[in-house]
N, C-alpha and C. Protein backbone atom coordinates (compact mmCIF):
# COMPACT_ATOMS: atom_id res chain seq x y z
N MET A 1 104.84 89.87 101.23
CA MET A 1 105.87 89.10 100.59
C MET A 1 106.23 89.67 99.21
N ALA A 2 105.29 90.33 98.57
CA ALA A 2 105.54 90.82 97.23
C ALA A 2 106.60 91.92 97.24
N ALA A 3 107.57 91.79 96.35
CA ALA A 3 108.63 92.79 96.27
C ALA A 3 108.47 93.67 95.04
N PHE A 4 107.86 93.13 94.00
CA PHE A 4 107.81 93.84 92.74
C PHE A 4 106.44 94.47 92.53
N THR A 5 106.16 95.44 93.34
CA THR A 5 104.90 96.18 93.25
C THR A 5 105.25 97.65 93.04
N ALA A 6 104.25 98.48 93.04
CA ALA A 6 104.47 99.92 92.91
C ALA A 6 105.23 100.45 94.11
N ARG A 7 105.95 101.52 93.90
CA ARG A 7 106.70 102.14 95.01
C ARG A 7 105.76 102.49 96.16
N ASP A 8 104.62 103.05 95.80
CA ASP A 8 103.61 103.38 96.81
C ASP A 8 102.29 102.74 96.38
N PRO A 9 101.97 101.55 96.91
CA PRO A 9 100.77 100.85 96.49
C PRO A 9 99.48 101.63 96.75
N ARG A 10 99.54 102.67 97.54
CA ARG A 10 98.34 103.48 97.81
C ARG A 10 98.11 104.56 96.76
N ASP A 11 99.07 104.74 95.84
CA ASP A 11 98.98 105.78 94.82
C ASP A 11 98.09 105.29 93.67
N ARG A 12 96.82 105.67 93.70
CA ARG A 12 95.85 105.20 92.72
C ARG A 12 96.20 105.67 91.30
N GLY A 13 96.76 106.87 91.17
CA GLY A 13 97.14 107.37 89.85
C GLY A 13 98.23 106.51 89.22
N GLU A 14 99.23 106.15 90.01
CA GLU A 14 100.31 105.29 89.52
C GLU A 14 99.75 103.91 89.15
N PHE A 15 98.88 103.38 90.00
CA PHE A 15 98.25 102.09 89.75
C PHE A 15 97.47 102.11 88.43
N ASP A 16 96.63 103.13 88.26
CA ASP A 16 95.82 103.22 87.04
C ASP A 16 96.69 103.37 85.79
N ALA A 17 97.74 104.18 85.86
CA ALA A 17 98.64 104.36 84.71
C ALA A 17 99.34 103.05 84.36
N HIS A 18 99.77 102.33 85.38
CA HIS A 18 100.44 101.04 85.17
C HIS A 18 99.50 100.07 84.46
N TRP A 19 98.26 99.96 84.92
CA TRP A 19 97.32 99.03 84.31
C TRP A 19 96.88 99.48 82.92
N LYS A 20 96.85 100.77 82.68
CA LYS A 20 96.53 101.26 81.34
C LYS A 20 97.60 100.81 80.35
N ARG A 21 98.88 100.91 80.77
CA ARG A 21 99.98 100.45 79.91
C ARG A 21 99.87 98.95 79.65
N ILE A 22 99.60 98.19 80.69
CA ILE A 22 99.50 96.73 80.55
C ILE A 22 98.37 96.36 79.59
N ARG A 23 97.19 96.93 79.82
CA ARG A 23 96.03 96.56 79.01
C ARG A 23 96.14 97.02 77.56
N SER A 24 96.94 98.03 77.29
CA SER A 24 97.07 98.53 75.92
C SER A 24 98.19 97.84 75.14
N ASP A 25 98.95 96.97 75.78
CA ASP A 25 100.07 96.29 75.12
C ASP A 25 99.58 94.94 74.58
N PRO A 26 99.49 94.80 73.24
CA PRO A 26 98.95 93.57 72.67
C PRO A 26 99.83 92.35 72.90
N SER A 27 101.08 92.54 73.29
CA SER A 27 101.97 91.40 73.53
C SER A 27 101.78 90.79 74.92
N ILE A 28 101.01 91.46 75.78
CA ILE A 28 100.78 90.96 77.13
C ILE A 28 99.45 90.22 77.17
N MET A 29 99.49 89.02 77.72
CA MET A 29 98.27 88.23 77.92
C MET A 29 97.99 88.24 79.42
N ILE A 30 96.80 88.67 79.80
CA ILE A 30 96.47 88.78 81.22
C ILE A 30 95.08 88.21 81.48
N GLN A 31 94.95 87.52 82.61
CA GLN A 31 93.66 86.99 83.00
C GLN A 31 93.40 87.33 84.46
N THR A 32 92.14 87.55 84.75
CA THR A 32 91.70 87.84 86.11
C THR A 32 91.48 86.52 86.85
N VAL A 33 91.85 86.49 88.12
CA VAL A 33 91.62 85.32 88.96
C VAL A 33 90.39 85.61 89.82
N ILE A 34 89.41 84.74 89.71
CA ILE A 34 88.15 84.90 90.44
C ILE A 34 87.95 83.69 91.34
N SER A 35 87.52 83.94 92.55
CA SER A 35 87.20 82.87 93.49
C SER A 35 85.93 83.26 94.23
N GLY A 36 84.99 82.36 94.28
CA GLY A 36 83.73 82.64 94.97
C GLY A 36 82.99 83.83 94.40
N GLY A 37 83.17 84.08 93.10
CA GLY A 37 82.50 85.20 92.46
C GLY A 37 83.17 86.55 92.66
N HIS A 38 84.34 86.56 93.30
CA HIS A 38 85.06 87.81 93.57
C HIS A 38 86.43 87.81 92.90
N VAL A 39 86.84 88.98 92.41
CA VAL A 39 88.19 89.13 91.86
C VAL A 39 89.18 89.04 93.01
N VAL A 40 90.15 88.12 92.89
CA VAL A 40 91.14 87.95 93.95
C VAL A 40 92.57 88.19 93.46
N GLY A 41 92.74 88.35 92.13
CA GLY A 41 94.09 88.58 91.61
C GLY A 41 94.16 88.50 90.11
N HIS A 42 95.38 88.28 89.62
CA HIS A 42 95.59 88.17 88.17
C HIS A 42 96.80 87.28 87.90
N VAL A 43 96.89 86.84 86.66
CA VAL A 43 98.04 86.10 86.15
C VAL A 43 98.29 86.62 84.74
N ALA A 44 99.57 86.71 84.35
CA ALA A 44 99.89 87.29 83.04
C ALA A 44 101.17 86.71 82.45
N LYS A 45 101.29 86.88 81.13
CA LYS A 45 102.50 86.54 80.40
C LYS A 45 102.94 87.81 79.67
N PHE A 46 104.23 88.10 79.73
CA PHE A 46 104.79 89.26 79.04
C PHE A 46 106.19 88.89 78.58
N VAL A 47 106.77 89.72 77.74
CA VAL A 47 108.16 89.53 77.33
C VAL A 47 108.99 90.52 78.12
N ASP A 48 109.94 89.99 78.89
CA ASP A 48 110.78 90.83 79.72
C ASP A 48 111.62 91.76 78.84
N ALA A 49 111.56 93.05 79.12
CA ALA A 49 112.26 94.05 78.31
C ALA A 49 113.78 93.89 78.37
N GLU A 50 114.30 93.53 79.51
CA GLU A 50 115.75 93.41 79.68
C GLU A 50 116.31 92.15 79.04
N PHE A 51 115.62 91.01 79.21
CA PHE A 51 116.13 89.73 78.74
C PHE A 51 115.50 89.24 77.45
N GLY A 52 114.37 89.82 77.07
CA GLY A 52 113.71 89.44 75.83
C GLY A 52 113.09 88.06 75.83
N LYS A 53 112.79 87.54 77.01
CA LYS A 53 112.22 86.19 77.12
C LYS A 53 110.82 86.27 77.74
N PRO A 54 109.96 85.31 77.36
CA PRO A 54 108.60 85.33 77.91
C PRO A 54 108.59 84.93 79.39
N GLU A 55 107.90 85.73 80.19
CA GLU A 55 107.80 85.47 81.62
C GLU A 55 106.35 85.50 82.05
N VAL A 56 106.09 84.80 83.15
CA VAL A 56 104.77 84.85 83.76
C VAL A 56 104.89 85.60 85.08
N THR A 57 103.79 86.17 85.47
CA THR A 57 103.70 86.86 86.74
C THR A 57 102.30 86.64 87.27
N TYR A 58 102.15 86.75 88.56
CA TYR A 58 100.82 86.61 89.15
C TYR A 58 100.78 87.38 90.46
N TRP A 59 99.56 87.68 90.87
CA TRP A 59 99.35 88.35 92.15
C TRP A 59 98.00 87.91 92.69
N ILE A 60 97.99 87.55 93.96
CA ILE A 60 96.76 87.18 94.66
C ILE A 60 96.68 88.08 95.90
N GLY A 61 95.53 88.67 96.13
CA GLY A 61 95.33 89.52 97.30
C GLY A 61 95.64 88.77 98.60
N ARG A 62 96.28 89.46 99.51
CA ARG A 62 96.77 88.85 100.76
C ARG A 62 95.71 88.05 101.51
N LYS A 63 94.48 88.55 101.56
CA LYS A 63 93.47 87.84 102.35
C LYS A 63 93.07 86.51 101.71
N HIS A 64 93.56 86.23 100.49
CA HIS A 64 93.25 84.97 99.80
C HIS A 64 94.44 84.02 99.76
N TRP A 65 95.53 84.38 100.42
CA TRP A 65 96.71 83.52 100.43
C TRP A 65 96.43 82.23 101.18
N GLY A 66 97.19 81.19 100.84
CA GLY A 66 97.13 79.94 101.58
C GLY A 66 95.98 79.02 101.21
N ARG A 67 95.29 79.34 100.12
CA ARG A 67 94.14 78.52 99.71
C ARG A 67 94.39 77.81 98.39
N GLY A 68 95.62 77.91 97.86
CA GLY A 68 95.95 77.25 96.60
C GLY A 68 95.51 77.99 95.36
N LEU A 69 95.02 79.21 95.52
CA LEU A 69 94.51 79.96 94.37
C LEU A 69 95.61 80.35 93.37
N ALA A 70 96.76 80.74 93.88
CA ALA A 70 97.86 81.10 92.97
C ALA A 70 98.32 79.89 92.17
N THR A 71 98.47 78.76 92.84
CA THR A 71 98.90 77.55 92.14
C THR A 71 97.89 77.14 91.09
N GLU A 72 96.62 77.16 91.44
CA GLU A 72 95.57 76.77 90.49
C GLU A 72 95.51 77.73 89.31
N ALA A 73 95.57 79.02 89.58
CA ALA A 73 95.49 80.02 88.51
C ALA A 73 96.69 79.92 87.57
N LEU A 74 97.89 79.83 88.13
CA LEU A 74 99.09 79.74 87.29
C LEU A 74 99.11 78.44 86.51
N SER A 75 98.72 77.35 87.14
CA SER A 75 98.68 76.05 86.46
C SER A 75 97.74 76.10 85.26
N GLN A 76 96.53 76.61 85.46
CA GLN A 76 95.57 76.71 84.35
C GLN A 76 96.10 77.63 83.25
N PHE A 77 96.69 78.74 83.65
CA PHE A 77 97.19 79.73 82.69
C PHE A 77 98.29 79.13 81.81
N VAL A 78 99.31 78.53 82.42
CA VAL A 78 100.43 78.01 81.61
C VAL A 78 100.03 76.81 80.78
N SER A 79 99.01 76.07 81.23
CA SER A 79 98.56 74.92 80.43
C SER A 79 97.96 75.35 79.11
N LYS A 80 97.49 76.60 79.03
CA LYS A 80 96.89 77.12 77.80
C LYS A 80 97.92 77.74 76.86
N LEU A 81 99.13 77.95 77.35
CA LEU A 81 100.18 78.58 76.55
C LEU A 81 101.03 77.52 75.86
N GLU A 82 101.16 77.62 74.55
CA GLU A 82 102.01 76.69 73.80
C GLU A 82 103.49 77.06 73.94
N LEU A 83 103.75 78.32 74.17
CA LEU A 83 105.10 78.85 74.19
C LEU A 83 105.94 78.23 75.31
N ARG A 84 107.11 77.71 74.96
CA ARG A 84 108.08 77.22 75.91
C ARG A 84 109.46 77.55 75.36
N PRO A 85 110.43 77.81 76.16
CA PRO A 85 110.32 77.86 77.61
C PRO A 85 109.65 79.15 78.08
N LEU A 86 109.08 79.08 79.27
CA LEU A 86 108.52 80.23 79.98
C LEU A 86 109.37 80.44 81.22
N TYR A 87 109.46 81.67 81.64
CA TYR A 87 110.25 81.99 82.83
C TYR A 87 109.39 82.68 83.88
N GLY A 88 109.84 82.62 85.08
CA GLY A 88 109.22 83.32 86.19
C GLY A 88 110.31 83.76 87.15
N ARG A 89 110.02 84.77 87.91
CA ARG A 89 110.97 85.28 88.90
C ARG A 89 110.25 85.50 90.22
N ALA A 90 111.01 85.37 91.29
CA ALA A 90 110.46 85.65 92.61
C ALA A 90 111.60 86.16 93.48
N ALA A 91 111.26 86.99 94.44
CA ALA A 91 112.25 87.40 95.42
C ALA A 91 112.78 86.12 96.09
N ARG A 92 114.08 86.07 96.27
CA ARG A 92 114.69 84.85 96.82
C ARG A 92 114.14 84.50 98.20
N ASP A 93 113.69 85.50 98.95
CA ASP A 93 113.14 85.24 100.28
C ASP A 93 111.63 84.96 100.25
N ASN A 94 111.04 84.87 99.06
CA ASN A 94 109.61 84.60 98.94
C ASN A 94 109.40 83.11 98.63
N ALA A 95 109.58 82.29 99.65
CA ALA A 95 109.48 80.84 99.49
C ALA A 95 108.12 80.41 98.96
N ALA A 96 107.06 81.10 99.37
CA ALA A 96 105.71 80.72 98.94
C ALA A 96 105.56 80.90 97.42
N SER A 97 106.05 81.99 96.88
CA SER A 97 105.93 82.22 95.45
C SER A 97 106.80 81.25 94.66
N ILE A 98 107.98 80.97 95.15
CA ILE A 98 108.85 79.98 94.50
C ILE A 98 108.15 78.63 94.47
N ARG A 99 107.54 78.26 95.58
CA ARG A 99 106.84 76.97 95.68
C ARG A 99 105.66 76.91 94.72
N VAL A 100 104.92 78.00 94.57
CA VAL A 100 103.80 78.02 93.61
C VAL A 100 104.32 77.66 92.23
N MET A 101 105.39 78.32 91.81
CA MET A 101 105.92 78.05 90.47
C MET A 101 106.44 76.62 90.34
N GLU A 102 107.11 76.12 91.39
CA GLU A 102 107.60 74.75 91.35
C GLU A 102 106.44 73.75 91.23
N LYS A 103 105.34 73.99 91.92
CA LYS A 103 104.17 73.11 91.83
C LYS A 103 103.59 73.11 90.41
N CYS A 104 103.83 74.18 89.67
CA CYS A 104 103.33 74.30 88.30
C CYS A 104 104.34 73.80 87.27
N GLY A 105 105.43 73.21 87.74
CA GLY A 105 106.41 72.61 86.82
C GLY A 105 107.64 73.44 86.55
N PHE A 106 107.73 74.64 87.09
CA PHE A 106 108.92 75.47 86.90
C PHE A 106 110.05 74.92 87.76
N ARG A 107 111.27 75.06 87.26
CA ARG A 107 112.46 74.64 88.00
C ARG A 107 113.44 75.80 88.09
N ILE A 108 114.12 75.90 89.22
CA ILE A 108 115.10 76.98 89.41
C ILE A 108 116.26 76.75 88.44
N VAL A 109 116.57 77.82 87.67
CA VAL A 109 117.68 77.74 86.71
C VAL A 109 118.75 78.79 86.97
N GLY A 110 118.50 79.67 87.92
CA GLY A 110 119.50 80.69 88.21
C GLY A 110 119.04 81.68 89.25
N TYR A 111 119.93 82.61 89.49
CA TYR A 111 119.68 83.67 90.47
C TYR A 111 120.13 84.98 89.86
N GLY A 112 119.53 86.04 90.28
CA GLY A 112 119.89 87.36 89.78
C GLY A 112 119.57 88.41 90.82
N LYS A 113 119.60 89.63 90.36
CA LYS A 113 119.24 90.76 91.21
C LYS A 113 118.27 91.62 90.43
N GLY A 114 117.36 92.22 91.15
CA GLY A 114 116.40 93.11 90.53
C GLY A 114 115.98 94.17 91.52
N PHE A 115 115.64 95.34 91.00
CA PHE A 115 115.21 96.42 91.88
C PHE A 115 113.75 96.20 92.24
N ALA A 116 113.47 96.12 93.52
CA ALA A 116 112.10 95.93 94.03
C ALA A 116 111.57 97.27 94.52
N LYS A 117 110.68 97.87 93.75
CA LYS A 117 110.13 99.18 94.12
C LYS A 117 109.50 99.16 95.50
N ALA A 118 108.77 98.08 95.81
CA ALA A 118 108.08 98.02 97.10
C ALA A 118 109.05 98.03 98.28
N ARG A 119 110.27 97.56 98.04
CA ARG A 119 111.26 97.54 99.11
C ARG A 119 112.26 98.69 98.99
N GLY A 120 112.23 99.36 97.84
CA GLY A 120 113.11 100.50 97.65
C GLY A 120 114.58 100.14 97.52
N LYS A 121 114.86 98.91 97.08
CA LYS A 121 116.26 98.49 96.95
C LYS A 121 116.37 97.29 96.01
N GLU A 122 117.59 97.01 95.62
CA GLU A 122 117.86 95.84 94.81
C GLU A 122 117.83 94.61 95.72
N ILE A 123 117.21 93.54 95.22
CA ILE A 123 117.12 92.31 96.01
C ILE A 123 117.59 91.13 95.17
N GLU A 124 117.86 90.04 95.85
CA GLU A 124 118.18 88.80 95.16
C GLU A 124 116.89 88.16 94.69
N GLU A 125 116.93 87.58 93.50
CA GLU A 125 115.76 86.92 92.96
C GLU A 125 116.13 85.54 92.42
N VAL A 126 115.14 84.69 92.38
CA VAL A 126 115.27 83.35 91.82
C VAL A 126 114.67 83.39 90.42
N ILE A 127 115.34 82.76 89.46
CA ILE A 127 114.85 82.67 88.09
C ILE A 127 114.43 81.22 87.88
N LEU A 128 113.18 81.04 87.44
CA LEU A 128 112.64 79.70 87.22
C LEU A 128 112.25 79.54 85.75
N GLU A 129 112.28 78.31 85.28
CA GLU A 129 111.98 78.03 83.88
C GLU A 129 111.01 76.85 83.78
N LEU A 130 110.07 76.96 82.86
CA LEU A 130 109.15 75.88 82.54
C LEU A 130 109.42 75.47 81.10
N THR A 131 109.81 74.21 80.92
CA THR A 131 110.14 73.75 79.58
C THR A 131 109.11 72.79 79.00
N ASP A 132 108.43 72.06 79.85
CA ASP A 132 107.47 71.06 79.39
C ASP A 132 106.04 71.55 79.57
N ARG A 133 105.16 71.07 78.70
CA ARG A 133 103.74 71.34 78.88
C ARG A 133 103.23 70.40 79.95
N PRO A 134 102.44 70.92 80.90
CA PRO A 134 101.90 70.05 81.96
C PRO A 134 100.97 68.99 81.42
């Protein structure tokens, strides 16, 4: 379902370079998601370079989908952030990701287009906003 991943998720060099950039940027807040003592994903806040607004993002490994981990992780993460409004984006056809954000208090405020490396094309995306603290 994920559209906004690396062009080739098997390219370890690209993956490592991407995470090195993320971890070295002091404006990015990132947390690891752990379940049953195992790393299952991450959640993060960054400022979108194109729009200049704070956004959240998250990723949960496929074998851990459907257990509420994304909702729980995102909910805990945004509850610790004072900053509002916060934004999130999801591929328009990714109903599960949209629902995760809605369960965490985000509401759809618009639609846009973005290039999805994993799909190799521009796709429609949903823009969501969180204005209230949970």
